[in-house]
Amino acid sequence: MQVAKPVGRSAPALKYDILSALAVHALSGDKHRHRSILRIMVLVTTRYNWRSNELSIGREEIARLWSVNERTVKREMAKFRNAGWITVKRPAVRGRVAVYEIDLKQIMLDTVDIWPVIGTDFQDRMQQEPAQATNVVPFQSRPAIPPPEGEDVWGQVQSILHGRDPELWASWFQHLNEAERAGGVATLIAPSRFMADYIAQKWAGRLLAVYTRVDPSIRSLRIEAAE
């Protein structure tokens, strides 16, 4: 998924979608997640420049917005950096506060599990590439036709994946194609960058386990996006 900059006529809707994903993600966790996500939402809604993807703010001001001390700010911002949600674009120097960037794509990847809670219309919007791209990842509300069983390794892998979880296969695995299998590495191609990133992050272990069962020589996977 390439998250477009929230600018132009569609900007308000995209901003609401990102904030909705954050809010529902927060409420799906414990009180610690509630508080942590609320804090980043405060930064986004009060100080974040959507157009330039810059969050220009000092630790003292963050502490005031969050009603905490600066030590808590330091600890919480470190957590966001470790999660890949925030990066330092320009460190603080004498007379100037730090400038941060927010990785909207990583945030959406980390909230994808709650998309069905918001609704299938939300899923459809989030799984589409920006308008200028040609790749669209369709969301399947029902399992598609199962793959034919065959003698080739990839056909057997697909059959096992479908048999274990038809819904999961229909939404994700059926869109993959095997590009190469050599040197103990299987290379799979996904139709979009979002799908490649998400499957690599979420389902690579399951895919590799099935591959190893069919072809024990496979020791790792590489999941790439179609050009």
C-alpha atoms as a PDB file:
ATOM      1  CA  MET A   1       0.000   0.000   0.000  1.00  0.00           C
ATOM      2  CA  GLN A   2       1.304   3.410  -0.972  1.00  0.00           C
ATOM      3  CA  VAL A   3      -0.431   5.878   1.335  1.00  0.00           C
ATOM      4  CA  ALA A   4      -1.039   9.014  -0.709  1.00  0.00           C
ATOM      5  CA  LYS A   5      -0.389  12.389   0.854  1.00  0.00           C
ATOM      6  CA  PRO A   6      -3.644  13.696   2.356  1.00  0.00           C
ATOM      7  CA  VAL A   7      -3.888  16.697   0.044  1.00  0.00           C
ATOM      8  CA  GLY A   8      -6.430  17.824  -2.542  1.00  0.00           C
ATOM      9  CA  ARG A   9     -10.135  17.114  -2.616  1.00  0.00           C
ATOM     10  CA  SER A  10      -9.819  13.652  -1.058  1.00  0.00           C
ATOM     11  CA  ALA A  11      -7.624  14.874   1.803  1.00  0.00           C
ATOM     12  CA  PRO A  12     -10.334  15.174   4.493  1.00  0.00           C
ATOM     13  CA  ALA A  13     -11.585  11.623   3.859  1.00  0.00           C
ATOM     14  CA  LEU A  14      -8.076  10.146   3.945  1.00  0.00           C
ATOM     15  CA  LYS A  15      -7.251  11.994   7.149  1.00  0.00           C
ATOM     16  CA  TYR A  16     -10.400  10.664   8.787  1.00  0.00           C
ATOM     17  CA  ASP A  17      -9.570   7.143   7.592  1.00  0.00           C
ATOM     18  CA  ILE A  18      -6.089   7.262   9.138  1.00  0.00           C
ATOM     19  CA  LEU A  19      -7.405   8.670  12.412  1.00  0.00           C
ATOM     20  CA  SER A  20     -10.231   6.113  12.431  1.00  0.00           C
ATOM     21  CA  ALA A  21      -7.743   3.269  12.031  1.00  0.00           C
ATOM     22  CA  LEU A  22      -5.659   4.640  14.889  1.00  0.00           C
ATOM     23  CA  ALA A  23      -8.666   5.095  17.169  1.00  0.00           C
ATOM     24  CA  VAL A  24     -10.138   1.634  16.603  1.00  0.00           C
ATOM     25  CA  HIS A  25      -6.661   0.080  16.920  1.00  0.00           C
ATOM     26  CA  ALA A  26      -6.279   1.833  20.271  1.00  0.00           C
ATOM     27  CA  LEU A  27      -9.637   0.632  21.576  1.00  0.00           C
ATOM     28  CA  SER A  28      -8.875  -2.960  20.576  1.00  0.00           C
ATOM     29  CA  GLY A  29      -6.027  -3.061  23.103  1.00  0.00           C
ATOM     30  CA  ASP A  30      -5.486  -2.482  26.793  1.00  0.00           C
ATOM     31  CA  LYS A  31      -5.349   0.803  28.678  1.00  0.00           C
ATOM     32  CA  HIS A  32      -1.663   1.242  27.885  1.00  0.00           C
ATOM     33  CA  ARG A  33      -2.364   1.097  24.156  1.00  0.00           C
ATOM     34  CA  HIS A  34      -5.337   3.466  24.623  1.00  0.00           C
ATOM     35  CA  ARG A  35      -3.102   6.085  26.184  1.00  0.00           C
ATOM     36  CA  SER A  36      -0.175   5.628  23.806  1.00  0.00           C
ATOM     37  CA  ILE A  37      -2.266   5.884  20.632  1.00  0.00           C
ATOM     38  CA  LEU A  38      -4.202   8.840  22.034  1.00  0.00           C
ATOM     39  CA  ARG A  39      -0.901  10.627  22.508  1.00  0.00           C
ATOM     40  CA  ILE A  40       0.198  10.214  18.905  1.00  0.00           C
ATOM     41  CA  MET A  41      -3.290  11.236  17.742  1.00  0.00           C
ATOM     42  CA  VAL A  42      -2.916  14.450  19.762  1.00  0.00           C
ATOM     43  CA  LEU A  43       0.344  15.219  17.956  1.00  0.00           C
ATOM     44  CA  VAL A  44      -1.240  14.488  14.576  1.00  0.00           C
ATOM     45  CA  THR A  45      -4.332  16.608  15.165  1.00  0.00           C
ATOM     46  CA  THR A  46      -2.595  19.566  16.822  1.00  0.00           C
ATOM     47  CA  ARG A  47       0.851  19.922  15.252  1.00  0.00           C
ATOM     48  CA  TYR A  48       1.289  17.619  12.249  1.00  0.00           C
ATOM     49  CA  ASN A  49       1.719  19.194   8.789  1.00  0.00           C
ATOM     50  CA  TRP A  50       0.014  16.692   6.469  1.00  0.00           C
ATOM     51  CA  ARG A  51       1.264  18.325   3.285  1.00  0.00           C
ATOM     52  CA  SER A  52       4.980  18.291   4.134  1.00  0.00           C
ATOM     53  CA  ASN A  53       4.827  15.267   6.467  1.00  0.00           C
ATOM     54  CA  GLU A  54       6.518  17.183   9.242  1.00  0.00           C
ATOM     55  CA  LEU A  55       5.908  17.293  12.953  1.00  0.00           C
ATOM     56  CA  SER A  56       7.871  20.250  14.311  1.00  0.00           C
ATOM     57  CA  ILE A  57       7.619  20.285  18.078  1.00  0.00           C
ATOM     58  CA  GLY A  58       9.810  20.341  21.158  1.00  0.00           C
ATOM     59  CA  ARG A  59       9.807  17.931  24.056  1.00  0.00           C
ATOM     60  CA  GLU A  60       8.567  20.603  26.438  1.00  0.00           C
ATOM     61  CA  GLU A  61       5.541  21.357  24.271  1.00  0.00           C
ATOM     62  CA  ILE A  62       4.742  17.660  23.875  1.00  0.00           C
ATOM     63  CA  ALA A  63       4.852  17.273  27.654  1.00  0.00           C
ATOM     64  CA  ARG A  64       2.394  20.136  28.005  1.00  0.00           C
ATOM     65  CA  LEU A  65      -0.008  18.654  25.438  1.00  0.00           C
ATOM     66  CA  TRP A  66       0.145  15.223  27.067  1.00  0.00           C
ATOM     67  CA  SER A  67       0.060  16.516  30.661  1.00  0.00           C
ATOM     68  CA  VAL A  68       3.182  14.516  31.520  1.00  0.00           C
ATOM     69  CA  ASN A  69       6.826  15.216  32.320  1.00  0.00           C
ATOM     70  CA  GLU A  70       9.587  15.312  29.709  1.00  0.00           C
ATOM     71  CA  ARG A  71      10.995  11.964  30.793  1.00  0.00           C
ATOM     72  CA  THR A  72       7.687  10.342  29.825  1.00  0.00           C
ATOM     73  CA  VAL A  73       7.811  12.152  26.482  1.00  0.00           C
ATOM     74  CA  LYS A  74      11.330  10.828  25.827  1.00  0.00           C
ATOM     75  CA  ARG A  75      10.249   7.268  26.631  1.00  0.00           C
ATOM     76  CA  GLU A  76       7.062   7.424  24.548  1.00  0.00           C
ATOM     77  CA  MET A  77       8.704   8.981  21.501  1.00  0.00           C
ATOM     78  CA  ALA A  78      11.364   6.262  21.629  1.00  0.00           C
ATOM     79  CA  LYS A  79       8.587   3.653  21.500  1.00  0.00           C
ATOM     80  CA  PHE A  80       7.092   5.317  18.426  1.00  0.00           C
ATOM     81  CA  ARG A  81      10.499   5.420  16.739  1.00  0.00           C
ATOM     82  CA  ASN A  82      11.147   1.747  17.512  1.00  0.00           C
ATOM     83  CA  ALA A  83       7.746   0.873  16.033  1.00  0.00           C
ATOM     84  CA  GLY A  84       8.674   2.744  12.849  1.00  0.00           C
ATOM     85  CA  TRP A  85       5.814   5.217  13.248  1.00  0.00           C
ATOM     86  CA  ILE A  86       7.998   8.275  13.777  1.00  0.00           C
ATOM     87  CA  THR A  87      11.485   9.139  12.531  1.00  0.00           C
ATOM     88  CA  VAL A  88      13.664  12.148  13.284  1.00  0.00           C
ATOM     89  CA  LYS A  89      13.977  14.269  10.155  1.00  0.00           C
ATOM     90  CA  ARG A  90      16.085  16.977  11.762  1.00  0.00           C
ATOM     91  CA  PRO A  91      17.351  16.723  15.349  1.00  0.00           C
ATOM     92  CA  ALA A  92      16.913  19.572  17.779  1.00  0.00           C
ATOM     93  CA  VAL A  93      19.675  22.170  17.787  1.00  0.00           C
ATOM     94  CA  ARG A  94      20.192  25.311  19.798  1.00  0.00           C
ATOM     95  CA  GLY A  95      17.162  27.542  19.285  1.00  0.00           C
ATOM     96  CA  ARG A  96      15.287  25.021  17.094  1.00  0.00           C
ATOM     97  CA  VAL A  97      13.036  22.125  18.027  1.00  0.00           C
ATOM     98  CA  ALA A  98      13.269  18.681  16.449  1.00  0.00           C
ATOM     99  CA  VAL A  99      11.395  17.935  13.228  1.00  0.00           C
ATOM    100  CA  TYR A 100       9.848  14.466  12.897  1.00  0.00           C
ATOM    101  CA  GLU A 101       8.263  12.519  10.049  1.00  0.00           C
ATOM    102  CA  ILE A 102       5.302  10.204  10.542  1.00  0.00           C
ATOM    103  CA  ASP A 103       5.287   6.972   8.525  1.00  0.00           C
ATOM    104  CA  LEU A 104       1.608   6.689   7.582  1.00  0.00           C
ATOM    105  CA  LYS A 105       2.233   3.489   5.655  1.00  0.00           C
ATOM    106  CA  GLN A 106       3.705   1.732   8.702  1.00  0.00           C
ATOM    107  CA  ILE A 107       0.821   2.936  10.848  1.00  0.00           C
ATOM    108  CA  MET A 108      -1.702   1.492   8.407  1.00  0.00           C
ATOM    109  CA  LEU A 109       0.237  -1.786   8.184  1.00  0.00           C
ATOM    110  CA  ASP A 110       0.161  -2.071  11.971  1.00  0.00           C
ATOM    111  CA  THR A 111      -3.579  -1.375  12.171  1.00  0.00           C
ATOM    112  CA  VAL A 112      -4.682  -3.662   9.330  1.00  0.00           C
ATOM    113  CA  ASP A 113      -6.163  -6.280  11.687  1.00  0.00           C
ATOM    114  CA  ILE A 114      -8.921  -3.896  12.754  1.00  0.00           C
ATOM    115  CA  TRP A 115      -9.960  -2.775   9.246  1.00  0.00           C
ATOM    116  CA  PRO A 116     -12.833  -5.315   9.113  1.00  0.00           C
ATOM    117  CA  VAL A 117     -14.160  -3.817  12.345  1.00  0.00           C
ATOM    118  CA  ILE A 118     -14.557  -0.449  10.614  1.00  0.00           C
ATOM    119  CA  GLY A 119     -16.203  -2.020   7.566  1.00  0.00           C
ATOM    120  CA  THR A 120     -15.606  -3.580   4.164  1.00  0.00           C
ATOM    121  CA  ASP A 121     -15.874  -0.165   2.491  1.00  0.00           C
ATOM    122  CA  PHE A 122     -12.928   0.966   4.611  1.00  0.00           C
ATOM    123  CA  GLN A 123     -11.018  -2.182   3.656  1.00  0.00           C
ATOM    124  CA  ASP A 124     -11.657  -1.557  -0.022  1.00  0.00           C
ATOM    125  CA  ARG A 125     -10.344   2.001   0.165  1.00  0.00           C
ATOM    126  CA  MET A 126      -7.243   1.065   2.138  1.00  0.00           C
ATOM    127  CA  GLN A 127      -6.318  -1.898  -0.071  1.00  0.00           C
ATOM    128  CA  GLN A 128      -6.327   0.167  -3.229  1.00  0.00           C
ATOM    129  CA  GLU A 129      -3.234   1.804  -4.597  1.00  0.00           C
ATOM    130  CA  PRO A 130      -3.335   5.569  -5.217  1.00  0.00           C
ATOM    131  CA  ALA A 131      -5.231   6.677  -8.310  1.00  0.00           C
ATOM    132  CA  GLN A 132      -2.099   7.007 -10.438  1.00  0.00           C
ATOM    133  CA  ALA A 133      -1.126   3.385  -9.856  1.00  0.00           C
ATOM    134  CA  THR A 134      -2.532   0.447 -11.781  1.00  0.00           C
ATOM    135  CA  ASN A 135      -2.420  -2.263  -9.139  1.00  0.00           C
ATOM    136  CA  VAL A 136      -5.555  -2.775  -7.066  1.00  0.00           C
ATOM    137  CA  VAL A 137      -5.845  -5.386  -4.360  1.00  0.00           C
ATOM    138  CA  PRO A 138      -9.479  -6.528  -4.345  1.00  0.00           C
ATOM    139  CA  PHE A 139     -10.963  -7.574  -1.043  1.00  0.00           C
ATOM    140  CA  GLN A 140     -12.760 -10.898  -1.348  1.00  0.00           C
ATOM    141  CA  SER A 141     -15.795 -11.137   0.911  1.00  0.00           C
ATOM    142  CA  ARG A 142     -16.146 -14.865   0.122  1.00  0.00           C
ATOM    143  CA  PRO A 143     -13.551 -17.512  -0.706  1.00  0.00           C
ATOM    144  CA  ALA A 144     -12.699 -17.684  -4.391  1.00  0.00           C
ATOM    145  CA  ILE A 145     -12.474 -20.909  -6.363  1.00  0.00           C
ATOM    146  CA  PRO A 146      -9.769 -23.096  -4.799  1.00  0.00           C
ATOM    147  CA  PRO A 147      -6.540 -23.646  -6.737  1.00  0.00           C
ATOM    148  CA  PRO A 148      -6.269 -26.843  -8.763  1.00  0.00           C
ATOM    149  CA  GLU A 149      -4.165 -29.532  -7.147  1.00  0.00           C
ATOM    150  CA  GLY A 150      -1.039 -30.236  -9.117  1.00  0.00           C
ATOM    151  CA  GLU A 151       2.334 -31.861  -9.013  1.00  0.00           C
ATOM    152  CA  ASP A 152       4.263 -28.578  -9.002  1.00  0.00           C
ATOM    153  CA  VAL A 153       5.437 -27.235  -5.661  1.00  0.00           C
ATOM    154  CA  TRP A 154       3.576 -23.925  -5.835  1.00  0.00           C
ATOM    155  CA  GLY A 155       0.313 -25.660  -6.728  1.00  0.00           C
ATOM    156  CA  GLN A 156       0.674 -27.939  -3.701  1.00  0.00           C
ATOM    157  CA  VAL A 157       1.519 -24.972  -1.454  1.00  0.00           C
ATOM    158  CA  GLN A 158      -1.570 -23.108  -2.626  1.00  0.00           C
ATOM    159  CA  SER A 159      -3.777 -26.180  -2.109  1.00  0.00           C
ATOM    160  CA  ILE A 160      -2.545 -26.619   1.475  1.00  0.00           C
ATOM    161  CA  LEU A 161      -3.022 -22.915   2.260  1.00  0.00           C
ATOM    162  CA  HIS A 162      -6.561 -22.999   0.887  1.00  0.00           C
ATOM    163  CA  GLY A 163      -7.399 -26.154   2.811  1.00  0.00           C
ATOM    164  CA  ARG A 164      -6.224 -24.679   6.102  1.00  0.00           C
ATOM    165  CA  ASP A 165      -8.021 -21.342   5.830  1.00  0.00           C
ATOM    166  CA  PRO A 166     -10.104 -20.607   2.696  1.00  0.00           C
ATOM    167  CA  GLU A 167     -10.978 -17.087   3.836  1.00  0.00           C
ATOM    168  CA  LEU A 168      -7.359 -16.140   4.436  1.00  0.00           C
ATOM    169  CA  TRP A 169      -6.310 -17.725   1.146  1.00  0.00           C
ATOM    170  CA  ALA A 170      -8.985 -15.806  -0.762  1.00  0.00           C
ATOM    171  CA  SER A 171      -8.033 -12.472   0.775  1.00  0.00           C
ATOM    172  CA  TRP A 172      -4.252 -12.777   0.485  1.00  0.00           C
ATOM    173  CA  PHE A 173      -2.497 -15.913  -0.739  1.00  0.00           C
ATOM    174  CA  GLN A 174      -4.408 -16.449  -3.986  1.00  0.00           C
ATOM    175  CA  HIS A 175      -2.974 -13.182  -5.345  1.00  0.00           C
ATOM    176  CA  LEU A 176       0.607 -14.425  -5.056  1.00  0.00           C
ATOM    177  CA  ASN A 177       2.605 -16.014  -7.860  1.00  0.00           C
ATOM    178  CA  GLU A 178       5.833 -17.931  -7.618  1.00  0.00           C
ATOM    179  CA  ALA A 179       8.603 -16.260  -9.631  1.00  0.00           C
ATOM    180  CA  GLU A 180      11.603 -18.392  -8.734  1.00  0.00           C
ATOM    181  CA  ARG A 181      12.779 -21.202  -6.500  1.00  0.00           C
ATOM    182  CA  ALA A 182      16.557 -21.522  -6.286  1.00  0.00           C
ATOM    183  CA  GLY A 183      19.310 -21.802  -3.717  1.00  0.00           C
ATOM    184  CA  GLY A 184      16.884 -22.577  -0.933  1.00  0.00           C
ATOM    185  CA  VAL A 185      14.947 -19.339  -1.522  1.00  0.00           C
ATOM    186  CA  ALA A 186      11.440 -19.066  -2.962  1.00  0.00           C
ATOM    187  CA  THR A 187      10.556 -15.717  -4.522  1.00  0.00           C
ATOM    188  CA  LEU A 188       6.892 -14.756  -4.600  1.00  0.00           C
ATOM    189  CA  ILE A 189       5.313 -11.831  -6.432  1.00  0.00           C
ATOM    190  CA  ALA A 190       2.387  -9.842  -5.007  1.00  0.00           C
ATOM    191  CA  PRO A 191       0.311  -7.418  -7.129  1.00  0.00           C
ATOM    192  CA  SER A 192       1.023  -4.399  -4.905  1.00  0.00           C
ATOM    193  CA  ARG A 193       3.659  -3.124  -2.510  1.00  0.00           C
ATOM    194  CA  PHE A 194       1.173  -3.085   0.339  1.00  0.00           C
ATOM    195  CA  MET A 195       0.281  -6.743  -0.145  1.00  0.00           C
ATOM    196  CA  ALA A 196       3.947  -7.734  -0.404  1.00  0.00           C
ATOM    197  CA  ASP A 197       4.833  -5.824   2.773  1.00  0.00           C
ATOM    198  CA  TYR A 198       1.862  -7.059   4.750  1.00  0.00           C
ATOM    199  CA  ILE A 199       2.223 -10.739   3.842  1.00  0.00           C
ATOM    200  CA  ALA A 200       5.967 -10.588   4.550  1.00  0.00           C
ATOM    201  CA  GLN A 201       5.274  -9.050   7.940  1.00  0.00           C
ATOM    202  CA  LYS A 202       2.229 -11.100   8.935  1.00  0.00           C
ATOM    203  CA  TRP A 203       2.182 -14.422   7.109  1.00  0.00           C
ATOM    204  CA  ALA A 204       5.753 -15.239   6.026  1.00  0.00           C
ATOM    205  CA  GLY A 205       6.087 -17.825   8.788  1.00  0.00           C
ATOM    206  CA  ARG A 206       2.978 -19.697   7.698  1.00  0.00           C
ATOM    207  CA  LEU A 207       4.014 -19.602   4.046  1.00  0.00           C
ATOM    208  CA  LEU A 208       7.509 -20.881   4.820  1.00  0.00           C
ATOM    209  CA  ALA A 209       6.156 -23.709   6.985  1.00  0.00           C
ATOM    210  CA  VAL A 210       3.964 -24.928   4.122  1.00  0.00           C
ATOM    211  CA  TYR A 211       6.780 -24.544   1.591  1.00  0.00           C
ATOM    212  CA  THR A 212       9.146 -26.551   3.791  1.00  0.00           C
ATOM    213  CA  ARG A 213       6.569 -29.295   4.082  1.00  0.00           C
ATOM    214  CA  VAL A 214       6.263 -29.560   0.275  1.00  0.00           C
ATOM    215  CA  ASP A 215       9.905 -28.847  -0.577  1.00  0.00           C
ATOM    216  CA  PRO A 216      12.331 -29.258   2.369  1.00  0.00           C
ATOM    217  CA  SER A 217      15.083 -27.501   0.401  1.00  0.00           C
ATOM    218  CA  ILE A 218      13.301 -24.140   0.827  1.00  0.00           C
ATOM    219  CA  ARG A 219      14.787 -22.309   3.810  1.00  0.00           C
ATOM    220  CA  SER A 220      13.598 -18.727   3.253  1.00  0.00           C
ATOM    221  CA  LEU A 221      11.110 -16.616   1.306  1.00  0.00           C
ATOM    222  CA  ARG A 222      11.387 -13.358  -0.570  1.00  0.00           C
ATOM    223  CA  ILE A 223       8.132 -11.514  -1.275  1.00  0.00           C
ATOM    224  CA  GLU A 224       8.306  -8.742  -3.854  1.00  0.00           C
ATOM    225  CA  ALA A 225       5.827  -6.409  -5.521  1.00  0.00           C
ATOM    226  CA  ALA A 226       5.042  -6.582  -9.223  1.00  0.00           C
ATOM    227  CA  GLU A 227       6.676  -3.823 -11.234  1.00  0.00           C
END
